[in-house]
C-alpha atoms as a PDB file:
ATOM      1  CA  UNK A   1     114.883 112.640  85.682  1.00  0.00           C
ATOM      2  CA  UNK A   2     113.860 113.129  89.188  1.00  0.00           C
ATOM      3  CA  UNK A   3     114.194 116.208  91.438  1.00  0.00           C
ATOM      4  CA  UNK A   4     115.073 115.620  95.319  1.00  0.00           C
ATOM      5  CA  UNK A   5     115.320 118.114  98.359  1.00  0.00           C
ATOM      6  CA  UNK A   6     117.608 116.512 101.157  1.00  0.00           C
ATOM      7  CA  UNK A   7     117.515 117.913 104.709  1.00  0.00           C
ATOM      8  CA  UNK A   8     120.327 117.813 106.505  1.00  0.00           C
ATOM      9  CA  UNK A   9     120.324 118.327 110.218  1.00  0.00           C
ATOM     10  CA  UNK A  10     124.028 120.343 110.732  1.00  0.00           C
ATOM     11  CA  UNK A  11     123.760 121.967 114.718  1.00  0.00           C
ATOM     12  CA  UNK A  12     125.303 125.452 113.490  1.00  0.00           C
ATOM     13  CA  UNK A  13     125.382 125.326 110.074  1.00  0.00           C
ATOM     14  CA  UNK A  14     124.433 128.667 109.850  1.00  0.00           C
ATOM     15  CA  UNK A  15     127.620 129.719 111.464  1.00  0.00           C
ATOM     16  CA  UNK A  16     129.657 127.968 108.880  1.00  0.00           C
ATOM     17  CA  UNK A  17     132.830 130.389 107.673  1.00  0.00           C
ATOM     18  CA  UNK A  18     132.665 130.730 103.808  1.00  0.00           C
ATOM     19  CA  UNK A  19     135.884 128.332 104.127  1.00  0.00           C
ATOM     20  CA  UNK A  20     134.188 125.265 105.866  1.00  0.00           C
ATOM     21  CA  UNK A  21     131.334 125.694 103.397  1.00  0.00           C
ATOM     22  CA  UNK A  22     133.815 125.494 100.236  1.00  0.00           C
ATOM     23  CA  UNK A  23     135.399 122.782 101.768  1.00  0.00           C
ATOM     24  CA  UNK A  24     131.793 121.069 101.792  1.00  0.00           C
ATOM     25  CA  UNK A  25     131.447 121.861  98.669  1.00  0.00           C
ATOM     26  CA  UNK A  26     134.466 120.604  97.461  1.00  0.00           C
ATOM     27  CA  UNK A  27     134.003 116.999  99.231  1.00  0.00           C
ATOM     28  CA  UNK A  28     130.528 116.824  97.472  1.00  0.00           C
ATOM     29  CA  UNK A  29     131.928 117.495  94.102  1.00  0.00           C
ATOM     30  CA  UNK A  30     134.731 115.037  94.389  1.00  0.00           C
ATOM     31  CA  UNK A  31     131.502 112.145  95.161  1.00  0.00           C
ATOM     32  CA  UNK A  32     129.621 113.569  92.617  1.00  0.00           C
ATOM     33  CA  UNK A  33     132.456 113.174  90.283  1.00  0.00           C
ATOM     34  CA  UNK A  34     132.990 109.533  91.170  1.00  0.00           C
ATOM     35  CA  UNK A  35     129.856 108.635  90.970  1.00  0.00           C
ATOM     36  CA  UNK A  36     129.138 110.123  87.425  1.00  0.00           C
ATOM     37  CA  UNK A  37     126.804 112.114  85.405  1.00  0.00           C
ATOM     38  CA  UNK A  38     123.575 110.674  86.797  1.00  0.00           C
ATOM     39  CA  UNK A  39     123.630 112.630  90.284  1.00  0.00           C
ATOM     40  CA  UNK A  40     123.657 116.242  89.448  1.00  0.00           C
ATOM     41  CA  UNK A  41     123.713 118.732  92.883  1.00  0.00           C
ATOM     42  CA  UNK A  42     121.753 122.218  91.903  1.00  0.00           C
ATOM     43  CA  UNK A  43     121.350 124.212  94.668  1.00  0.00           C
ATOM     44  CA  UNK A  44     121.756 124.366  98.875  1.00  0.00           C
ATOM     45  CA  UNK A  45     120.149 126.229 101.637  1.00  0.00           C
ATOM     46  CA  UNK A  46     121.920 126.920 104.723  1.00  0.00           C
ATOM     47  CA  UNK A  47     119.706 127.751 108.066  1.00  0.00           C
ATOM     48  CA  UNK A  48     120.896 128.055 111.080  1.00  0.00           C
ATOM     49  CA  UNK A  49     120.836 124.292 112.078  1.00  0.00           C
ATOM     50  CA  UNK A  50     119.830 122.676 108.456  1.00  0.00           C
ATOM     51  CA  UNK A  51     121.023 122.473 105.367  1.00  0.00           C
ATOM     52  CA  UNK A  52     118.353 121.900 102.244  1.00  0.00           C
ATOM     53  CA  UNK A  53     120.079 120.424  99.096  1.00  0.00           C
ATOM     54  CA  UNK A  54     118.537 119.987  95.712  1.00  0.00           C
ATOM     55  CA  UNK A  55     119.635 117.501  93.459  1.00  0.00           C
ATOM     56  CA  UNK A  56     118.475 115.516  90.346  1.00  0.00           C
ATOM     57  CA  UNK A  57     118.943 112.041  90.218  1.00  0.00           C
ATOM     58  CA  UNK A  58     117.401 108.915  89.171  1.00  0.00           C
ATOM     59  CA  UNK A  59     116.197 107.050  92.461  1.00  0.00           C
ATOM     60  CA  UNK A  60     116.476 107.974  96.267  1.00  0.00           C
ATOM     61  CA  UNK A  61     119.011 104.994  97.056  1.00  0.00           C
ATOM     62  CA  UNK A  62     121.084 107.159  94.785  1.00  0.00           C
ATOM     63  CA  UNK A  63     120.815 110.313  96.616  1.00  0.00           C
ATOM     64  CA  UNK A  64     121.478 108.314  99.743  1.00  0.00           C
ATOM     65  CA  UNK A  65     124.689 106.585  98.323  1.00  0.00           C
ATOM     66  CA  UNK A  66     126.063 110.574  97.743  1.00  0.00           C
ATOM     67  CA  UNK A  67     125.455 110.935 100.880  1.00  0.00           C
ATOM     68  CA  UNK A  68     127.285 107.812 102.629  1.00  0.00           C
ATOM     69  CA  UNK A  69     130.319 108.142 100.566  1.00  0.00           C
ATOM     70  CA  UNK A  70     130.693 111.823 101.407  1.00  0.00           C
ATOM     71  CA  UNK A  71     130.019 111.506 105.276  1.00  0.00           C
ATOM     72  CA  UNK A  72     127.048 113.785 105.010  1.00  0.00           C
ATOM     73  CA  UNK A  73     123.824 113.316 107.131  1.00  0.00           C
ATOM     74  CA  UNK A  74     120.352 112.860 104.795  1.00  0.00           C
ATOM     75  CA  UNK A  75     117.780 112.810 107.581  1.00  0.00           C
ATOM     76  CA  UNK A  76     115.239 113.181 104.702  1.00  0.00           C
ATOM     77  CA  UNK A  77     115.228 112.607 101.316  1.00  0.00           C
ATOM     78  CA  UNK A  78     111.974 113.869  99.448  1.00  0.00           C
ATOM     79  CA  UNK A  79     111.022 113.765  95.594  1.00  0.00           C
ATOM     80  CA  UNK A  80     109.985 116.790  94.501  1.00  0.00           C
ATOM     81  CA  UNK A  81     106.356 116.385  92.926  1.00  0.00           C
ATOM     82  CA  UNK A  82     105.688 120.177  91.630  1.00  0.00           C
ATOM     83  CA  UNK A  83     107.271 123.583  91.649  1.00  0.00           C
ATOM     84  CA  UNK A  84     104.981 126.724  91.922  1.00  0.00           C
ATOM     85  CA  UNK A  85     106.144 130.241  92.023  1.00  0.00           C
ATOM     86  CA  UNK A  86     104.185 133.006  91.788  1.00  0.00           C
ATOM     87  CA  UNK A  87     103.463 133.218  88.071  1.00  0.00           C
ATOM     88  CA  UNK A  88     101.850 129.899  88.734  1.00  0.00           C
ATOM     89  CA  UNK A  89      99.006 132.137  89.802  1.00  0.00           C
ATOM     90  CA  UNK A  90      98.722 133.561  86.703  1.00  0.00           C
ATOM     91  CA  UNK A  91      95.637 132.731  84.345  1.00  0.00           C
ATOM     92  CA  UNK A  92      96.799 131.604  80.976  1.00  0.00           C
END
């Protein structure tokens, strides 16, 4: 199943409290539970004014449906084509 990165513009995201982040996470999980197993949230990265989320889903429309149902911004949804890391540089 394809993997996506979602860019969410959230002013002051880096200043959200642990309680704020927990509440957002709970809301996202509730929406995911209602949508079924075809969409999965893997992890998110919080910066000063953005949150980058990694999801597995059948298509972009499913990602956008999750965002709409949860009331989450999703300014950019991009399908991940490849994942690289330092081991990519190693020769076989």
